[in-house]
């Protein structure tokens, strides 16, 4: 995608404790009527939606306050299930900043967005980080993931490019909403790697020893 093709307005999907990064793909199961509408409208136009985290999540709050930074994704796969759900694959394209929320008669939320701080997300340039740089992060992440009951195919991860690996780990990590937001907002891959290290350093792994995964 070129800078000239970026939209000025974007339908946004607030999803708590979930982030998507540029050049990563995630499956989504869409069942709420307003988001069924959003995906329908997107499929008829540019297939773009914005994923963003709410600042807090309350069950009955239909319009939570949103973080300023999210990531725009493109629907690359679409299937409708027999019970009316949409099963989509979303590929992260570029991060965005919300300028303001638009008034709309639609059931879902739309925002005026700005991409200027994140044009590098569109670049295909590979960043020079070696897997040797990640060994300590991997070691600590493995420990954290295992104690939280997460299963990760580390061998498969190591066959991916480094940006895909770091972003996949950041997306799947059992970090808090705020910590994941920090990773999303990190300007580049090297900074994101550093932030993961900093977040891991704040965890005392013993606190997970007695955690029961529900």
C-alpha atoms as a PDB file:
ATOM      1  CA  UNK A   1       0.000   0.000   0.000  1.00  0.00           C
ATOM      2  CA  UNK A   2       1.214   3.503  -0.861  1.00  0.00           C
ATOM      3  CA  UNK A   3       0.928   6.613   1.344  1.00  0.00           C
ATOM      4  CA  UNK A   4      -1.466   8.117  -1.206  1.00  0.00           C
ATOM      5  CA  UNK A   5      -3.894   5.205  -0.741  1.00  0.00           C
ATOM      6  CA  UNK A   6      -4.249   5.613   3.032  1.00  0.00           C
ATOM      7  CA  UNK A   7      -7.800   6.517   4.110  1.00  0.00           C
ATOM      8  CA  UNK A   8      -8.647   9.678   6.059  1.00  0.00           C
ATOM      9  CA  UNK A   9     -11.473   7.987   7.966  1.00  0.00           C
ATOM     10  CA  UNK A  10     -11.447   4.474   9.379  1.00  0.00           C
ATOM     11  CA  UNK A  11     -13.925   2.109  11.025  1.00  0.00           C
ATOM     12  CA  UNK A  12     -12.400   1.067  14.350  1.00  0.00           C
ATOM     13  CA  UNK A  13     -12.775  -2.210  16.229  1.00  0.00           C
ATOM     14  CA  UNK A  14     -12.024  -1.740  19.962  1.00  0.00           C
ATOM     15  CA  UNK A  15     -10.759  -5.038  21.353  1.00  0.00           C
ATOM     16  CA  UNK A  16      -9.396  -5.280  24.872  1.00  0.00           C
ATOM     17  CA  UNK A  17      -5.987  -6.880  25.472  1.00  0.00           C
ATOM     18  CA  UNK A  18      -5.492  -7.440  21.749  1.00  0.00           C
ATOM     19  CA  UNK A  19      -3.015  -5.818  19.375  1.00  0.00           C
ATOM     20  CA  UNK A  20      -1.991  -6.378  15.804  1.00  0.00           C
ATOM     21  CA  UNK A  21       1.275  -5.143  14.284  1.00  0.00           C
ATOM     22  CA  UNK A  22       2.213  -4.283  10.706  1.00  0.00           C
ATOM     23  CA  UNK A  23       3.191  -7.361   8.643  1.00  0.00           C
ATOM     24  CA  UNK A  24       1.524  -9.813  11.022  1.00  0.00           C
ATOM     25  CA  UNK A  25      -1.736 -11.691  10.404  1.00  0.00           C
ATOM     26  CA  UNK A  26      -4.367 -12.769  12.908  1.00  0.00           C
ATOM     27  CA  UNK A  27      -7.641 -14.712  12.659  1.00  0.00           C
ATOM     28  CA  UNK A  28     -10.758 -13.021  14.073  1.00  0.00           C
ATOM     29  CA  UNK A  29     -14.160 -14.494  14.869  1.00  0.00           C
ATOM     30  CA  UNK A  30     -16.798 -11.776  14.350  1.00  0.00           C
ATOM     31  CA  UNK A  31     -20.228 -12.310  15.909  1.00  0.00           C
ATOM     32  CA  UNK A  32     -21.499  -9.008  17.378  1.00  0.00           C
ATOM     33  CA  UNK A  33     -24.117  -7.462  15.021  1.00  0.00           C
ATOM     34  CA  UNK A  34     -22.393  -4.049  14.887  1.00  0.00           C
ATOM     35  CA  UNK A  35     -19.080  -5.630  13.870  1.00  0.00           C
ATOM     36  CA  UNK A  36     -20.830  -7.899  11.369  1.00  0.00           C
ATOM     37  CA  UNK A  37     -22.080  -4.606   9.840  1.00  0.00           C
ATOM     38  CA  UNK A  38     -18.564  -3.153   9.960  1.00  0.00           C
ATOM     39  CA  UNK A  39     -17.010  -6.138   8.159  1.00  0.00           C
ATOM     40  CA  UNK A  40     -19.822  -6.156   5.584  1.00  0.00           C
ATOM     41  CA  UNK A  41     -19.226  -2.470   4.822  1.00  0.00           C
ATOM     42  CA  UNK A  42     -15.458  -2.953   4.722  1.00  0.00           C
ATOM     43  CA  UNK A  43     -15.706  -5.885   2.297  1.00  0.00           C
ATOM     44  CA  UNK A  44     -17.765  -3.681  -0.040  1.00  0.00           C
ATOM     45  CA  UNK A  45     -15.103  -0.946  -0.054  1.00  0.00           C
ATOM     46  CA  UNK A  46     -11.377  -1.099   0.759  1.00  0.00           C
ATOM     47  CA  UNK A  47     -11.348  -4.114   3.167  1.00  0.00           C
ATOM     48  CA  UNK A  48      -9.618  -1.937   5.797  1.00  0.00           C
ATOM     49  CA  UNK A  49     -10.455  -1.693   9.506  1.00  0.00           C
ATOM     50  CA  UNK A  50      -8.604  -0.245  12.491  1.00  0.00           C
ATOM     51  CA  UNK A  51      -7.826  -2.404  15.520  1.00  0.00           C
ATOM     52  CA  UNK A  52      -7.445  -0.417  18.738  1.00  0.00           C
ATOM     53  CA  UNK A  53      -7.449  -1.080  22.467  1.00  0.00           C
ATOM     54  CA  UNK A  54      -9.955   0.574  24.809  1.00  0.00           C
ATOM     55  CA  UNK A  55      -8.327   2.276  27.786  1.00  0.00           C
ATOM     56  CA  UNK A  56     -10.531   0.274  30.125  1.00  0.00           C
ATOM     57  CA  UNK A  57     -13.095  -2.450  29.655  1.00  0.00           C
ATOM     58  CA  UNK A  58     -16.492  -2.626  31.346  1.00  0.00           C
ATOM     59  CA  UNK A  59     -19.066  -5.166  30.250  1.00  0.00           C
ATOM     60  CA  UNK A  60     -21.913  -2.677  29.776  1.00  0.00           C
ATOM     61  CA  UNK A  61     -19.892   0.174  28.280  1.00  0.00           C
ATOM     62  CA  UNK A  62     -20.626   0.190  24.548  1.00  0.00           C
ATOM     63  CA  UNK A  63     -18.343   3.166  23.814  1.00  0.00           C
ATOM     64  CA  UNK A  64     -15.224   2.938  25.999  1.00  0.00           C
ATOM     65  CA  UNK A  65     -12.529   5.594  25.763  1.00  0.00           C
ATOM     66  CA  UNK A  66      -9.919   4.506  23.224  1.00  0.00           C
ATOM     67  CA  UNK A  67      -6.139   4.641  23.150  1.00  0.00           C
ATOM     68  CA  UNK A  68      -4.823   7.120  20.579  1.00  0.00           C
ATOM     69  CA  UNK A  69      -2.659   4.629  18.658  1.00  0.00           C
ATOM     70  CA  UNK A  70      -3.938   1.535  16.850  1.00  0.00           C
ATOM     71  CA  UNK A  71      -3.066  -0.488  13.766  1.00  0.00           C
ATOM     72  CA  UNK A  72      -4.958  -0.620  10.489  1.00  0.00           C
ATOM     73  CA  UNK A  73      -5.424  -4.061   8.988  1.00  0.00           C
ATOM     74  CA  UNK A  74      -6.665  -5.406   5.679  1.00  0.00           C
ATOM     75  CA  UNK A  75      -9.066  -8.340   5.459  1.00  0.00           C
ATOM     76  CA  UNK A  76      -7.196 -10.979   3.449  1.00  0.00           C
ATOM     77  CA  UNK A  77      -9.551 -13.909   4.032  1.00  0.00           C
ATOM     78  CA  UNK A  78     -13.293 -14.007   4.647  1.00  0.00           C
ATOM     79  CA  UNK A  79     -15.688 -16.875   5.404  1.00  0.00           C
ATOM     80  CA  UNK A  80     -19.220 -16.896   6.778  1.00  0.00           C
ATOM     81  CA  UNK A  81     -20.143 -19.739   9.119  1.00  0.00           C
ATOM     82  CA  UNK A  82     -23.482 -21.531   9.083  1.00  0.00           C
ATOM     83  CA  UNK A  83     -24.582 -19.707  12.243  1.00  0.00           C
ATOM     84  CA  UNK A  84     -23.891 -16.265  10.712  1.00  0.00           C
ATOM     85  CA  UNK A  85     -20.471 -15.507  12.205  1.00  0.00           C
ATOM     86  CA  UNK A  86     -17.694 -14.073  10.055  1.00  0.00           C
ATOM     87  CA  UNK A  87     -14.297 -15.759  10.185  1.00  0.00           C
ATOM     88  CA  UNK A  88     -11.679 -13.371   8.829  1.00  0.00           C
ATOM     89  CA  UNK A  89      -7.925 -13.105   8.550  1.00  0.00           C
ATOM     90  CA  UNK A  90      -6.602  -9.607   9.157  1.00  0.00           C
ATOM     91  CA  UNK A  91      -3.138  -8.484   8.046  1.00  0.00           C
ATOM     92  CA  UNK A  92      -1.578  -5.497   9.818  1.00  0.00           C
ATOM     93  CA  UNK A  93      -0.597  -2.710   7.411  1.00  0.00           C
ATOM     94  CA  UNK A  94       0.303   0.493   9.292  1.00  0.00           C
ATOM     95  CA  UNK A  95      -0.265   2.079  12.695  1.00  0.00           C
ATOM     96  CA  UNK A  96      -2.429   5.168  13.015  1.00  0.00           C
ATOM     97  CA  UNK A  97      -3.259   7.939  15.472  1.00  0.00           C
ATOM     98  CA  UNK A  98      -6.855   8.963  16.131  1.00  0.00           C
ATOM     99  CA  UNK A  99      -7.497  12.649  15.481  1.00  0.00           C
ATOM    100  CA  UNK A 100     -11.163  12.609  16.474  1.00  0.00           C
ATOM    101  CA  UNK A 101     -14.141  10.299  16.549  1.00  0.00           C
ATOM    102  CA  UNK A 102     -16.744  10.939  13.858  1.00  0.00           C
ATOM    103  CA  UNK A 103     -20.449  11.294  14.503  1.00  0.00           C
ATOM    104  CA  UNK A 104     -22.195   8.531  12.621  1.00  0.00           C
ATOM    105  CA  UNK A 105     -25.534   6.785  12.341  1.00  0.00           C
ATOM    106  CA  UNK A 106     -23.728   3.470  11.946  1.00  0.00           C
ATOM    107  CA  UNK A 107     -23.719   0.956  14.791  1.00  0.00           C
ATOM    108  CA  UNK A 108     -19.918   0.825  14.866  1.00  0.00           C
ATOM    109  CA  UNK A 109     -17.412   3.595  15.530  1.00  0.00           C
ATOM    110  CA  UNK A 110     -15.482   5.583  12.924  1.00  0.00           C
ATOM    111  CA  UNK A 111     -12.571   7.943  13.402  1.00  0.00           C
ATOM    112  CA  UNK A 112     -10.586  10.491  11.466  1.00  0.00           C
ATOM    113  CA  UNK A 113      -7.045   9.128  11.574  1.00  0.00           C
ATOM    114  CA  UNK A 114      -3.481  10.226  10.830  1.00  0.00           C
ATOM    115  CA  UNK A 115      -0.644   7.959   9.619  1.00  0.00           C
ATOM    116  CA  UNK A 116       2.174  10.516   9.377  1.00  0.00           C
ATOM    117  CA  UNK A 117       4.229   9.198  12.314  1.00  0.00           C
ATOM    118  CA  UNK A 118       4.135   5.639  11.012  1.00  0.00           C
ATOM    119  CA  UNK A 119       4.947   5.733   7.295  1.00  0.00           C
ATOM    120  CA  UNK A 120       7.987   3.532   7.997  1.00  0.00           C
ATOM    121  CA  UNK A 121       5.541   0.672   8.656  1.00  0.00           C
ATOM    122  CA  UNK A 122       4.965   0.570   4.882  1.00  0.00           C
ATOM    123  CA  UNK A 123       8.688   0.127   4.163  1.00  0.00           C
ATOM    124  CA  UNK A 124       9.978  -3.312   3.217  1.00  0.00           C
ATOM    125  CA  UNK A 125      13.397  -2.499   4.699  1.00  0.00           C
ATOM    126  CA  UNK A 126      14.627  -5.237   7.046  1.00  0.00           C
ATOM    127  CA  UNK A 127      16.006  -4.134  10.389  1.00  0.00           C
ATOM    128  CA  UNK A 128      19.414  -5.435  11.406  1.00  0.00           C
ATOM    129  CA  UNK A 129      18.737  -7.488  14.519  1.00  0.00           C
ATOM    130  CA  UNK A 130      20.267 -10.925  14.961  1.00  0.00           C
ATOM    131  CA  UNK A 131      18.616 -13.839  16.725  1.00  0.00           C
ATOM    132  CA  UNK A 132      21.587 -13.837  19.093  1.00  0.00           C
ATOM    133  CA  UNK A 133      20.273 -10.477  20.340  1.00  0.00           C
ATOM    134  CA  UNK A 134      17.003 -12.149  21.288  1.00  0.00           C
ATOM    135  CA  UNK A 135      18.298 -15.160  23.209  1.00  0.00           C
ATOM    136  CA  UNK A 136      17.816 -13.602  26.635  1.00  0.00           C
ATOM    137  CA  UNK A 137      14.356 -12.292  25.704  1.00  0.00           C
ATOM    138  CA  UNK A 138      13.383 -15.733  24.394  1.00  0.00           C
ATOM    139  CA  UNK A 139      14.650 -17.402  27.574  1.00  0.00           C
ATOM    140  CA  UNK A 140      12.650 -15.095  29.838  1.00  0.00           C
ATOM    141  CA  UNK A 141       9.593 -15.138  27.585  1.00  0.00           C
ATOM    142  CA  UNK A 142       9.611 -18.940  27.469  1.00  0.00           C
ATOM    143  CA  UNK A 143       9.656 -19.012  31.252  1.00  0.00           C
ATOM    144  CA  UNK A 144       6.785 -16.516  31.484  1.00  0.00           C
ATOM    145  CA  UNK A 145       4.700 -18.211  28.781  1.00  0.00           C
ATOM    146  CA  UNK A 146       5.145 -21.685  30.273  1.00  0.00           C
ATOM    147  CA  UNK A 147       4.195 -20.531  33.766  1.00  0.00           C
ATOM    148  CA  UNK A 148       1.066 -18.921  32.338  1.00  0.00           C
ATOM    149  CA  UNK A 149       0.139 -22.124  30.516  1.00  0.00           C
ATOM    150  CA  UNK A 150       0.800 -20.758  27.019  1.00  0.00           C
ATOM    151  CA  UNK A 151       2.113 -23.117  24.347  1.00  0.00           C
ATOM    152  CA  UNK A 152       4.342 -21.545  21.693  1.00  0.00           C
ATOM    153  CA  UNK A 153       5.990 -23.295  18.747  1.00  0.00           C
ATOM    154  CA  UNK A 154       9.386 -21.657  19.234  1.00  0.00           C
ATOM    155  CA  UNK A 155      11.065 -23.583  16.396  1.00  0.00           C
ATOM    156  CA  UNK A 156       8.485 -22.270  13.934  1.00  0.00           C
ATOM    157  CA  UNK A 157       8.925 -18.738  15.291  1.00  0.00           C
ATOM    158  CA  UNK A 158      12.667 -18.828  14.725  1.00  0.00           C
ATOM    159  CA  UNK A 159      12.112 -19.588  11.034  1.00  0.00           C
ATOM    160  CA  UNK A 160      10.185 -16.344  10.574  1.00  0.00           C
ATOM    161  CA  UNK A 161      11.708 -12.957   9.938  1.00  0.00           C
ATOM    162  CA  UNK A 162      12.744 -11.100  13.081  1.00  0.00           C
ATOM    163  CA  UNK A 163      10.055  -8.443  12.825  1.00  0.00           C
ATOM    164  CA  UNK A 164       7.390 -11.156  12.489  1.00  0.00           C
ATOM    165  CA  UNK A 165       8.876 -13.029  15.461  1.00  0.00           C
ATOM    166  CA  UNK A 166       9.097 -10.045  17.804  1.00  0.00           C
ATOM    167  CA  UNK A 167       5.643  -8.808  16.828  1.00  0.00           C
ATOM    168  CA  UNK A 168       4.080 -12.267  17.151  1.00  0.00           C
ATOM    169  CA  UNK A 169       5.542 -12.636  20.644  1.00  0.00           C
ATOM    170  CA  UNK A 170       4.344  -9.165  21.628  1.00  0.00           C
ATOM    171  CA  UNK A 171       0.830  -9.948  20.345  1.00  0.00           C
ATOM    172  CA  UNK A 172       0.614 -13.330  22.074  1.00  0.00           C
ATOM    173  CA  UNK A 173       2.313 -12.327  25.317  1.00  0.00           C
ATOM    174  CA  UNK A 174       0.462 -12.458  28.655  1.00  0.00           C
ATOM    175  CA  UNK A 175       1.276  -8.786  29.252  1.00  0.00           C
ATOM    176  CA  UNK A 176      -1.255  -6.217  30.475  1.00  0.00           C
ATOM    177  CA  UNK A 177      -3.292  -3.948  28.188  1.00  0.00           C
ATOM    178  CA  UNK A 178      -1.004  -1.028  29.050  1.00  0.00           C
ATOM    179  CA  UNK A 179       2.169  -3.029  28.396  1.00  0.00           C
ATOM    180  CA  UNK A 180       0.891  -4.206  25.014  1.00  0.00           C
ATOM    181  CA  UNK A 181       0.021  -0.619  24.139  1.00  0.00           C
ATOM    182  CA  UNK A 182       3.601   0.445  24.958  1.00  0.00           C
ATOM    183  CA  UNK A 183       4.878  -2.227  22.542  1.00  0.00           C
ATOM    184  CA  UNK A 184       2.488  -1.101  19.817  1.00  0.00           C
ATOM    185  CA  UNK A 185       3.595   2.513  20.172  1.00  0.00           C
ATOM    186  CA  UNK A 186       7.333   1.675  20.133  1.00  0.00           C
ATOM    187  CA  UNK A 187       8.684   3.505  17.079  1.00  0.00           C
ATOM    188  CA  UNK A 188      10.694   0.648  15.570  1.00  0.00           C
ATOM    189  CA  UNK A 189      11.617  -2.992  16.004  1.00  0.00           C
ATOM    190  CA  UNK A 190      14.800  -2.356  17.985  1.00  0.00           C
ATOM    191  CA  UNK A 191      12.893  -0.192  20.469  1.00  0.00           C
ATOM    192  CA  UNK A 192      10.130  -2.818  20.690  1.00  0.00           C
ATOM    193  CA  UNK A 193      12.730  -5.466  21.507  1.00  0.00           C
ATOM    194  CA  UNK A 194      14.115  -3.199  24.264  1.00  0.00           C
ATOM    195  CA  UNK A 195      10.629  -2.545  25.642  1.00  0.00           C
ATOM    196  CA  UNK A 196       9.905  -6.294  25.809  1.00  0.00           C
ATOM    197  CA  UNK A 197      13.119  -6.700  27.829  1.00  0.00           C
ATOM    198  CA  UNK A 198      12.127  -3.849  30.149  1.00  0.00           C
ATOM    199  CA  UNK A 199       8.643  -5.262  30.707  1.00  0.00           C
ATOM    200  CA  UNK A 200      10.046  -8.738  31.395  1.00  0.00           C
ATOM    201  CA  UNK A 201      12.465  -7.233  33.929  1.00  0.00           C
ATOM    202  CA  UNK A 202       9.496  -5.944  35.957  1.00  0.00           C
ATOM    203  CA  UNK A 203       8.017  -9.423  36.284  1.00  0.00           C
ATOM    204  CA  UNK A 204       9.038 -11.593  39.198  1.00  0.00           C
ATOM    205  CA  UNK A 205       8.505 -15.013  37.714  1.00  0.00           C
ATOM    206  CA  UNK A 206       7.783 -16.542  41.111  1.00  0.00           C
ATOM    207  CA  UNK A 207       4.449 -14.736  41.186  1.00  0.00           C
ATOM    208  CA  UNK A 208       3.216 -17.098  38.472  1.00  0.00           C
ATOM    209  CA  UNK A 209       4.153 -20.312  40.263  1.00  0.00           C
ATOM    210  CA  UNK A 210       0.807 -20.621  41.985  1.00  0.00           C
ATOM    211  CA  UNK A 211      -1.327 -19.244  39.176  1.00  0.00           C
ATOM    212  CA  UNK A 212      -4.129 -21.446  37.938  1.00  0.00           C
ATOM    213  CA  UNK A 213      -5.097 -20.941  34.317  1.00  0.00           C
ATOM    214  CA  UNK A 214      -8.867 -20.941  34.080  1.00  0.00           C
END
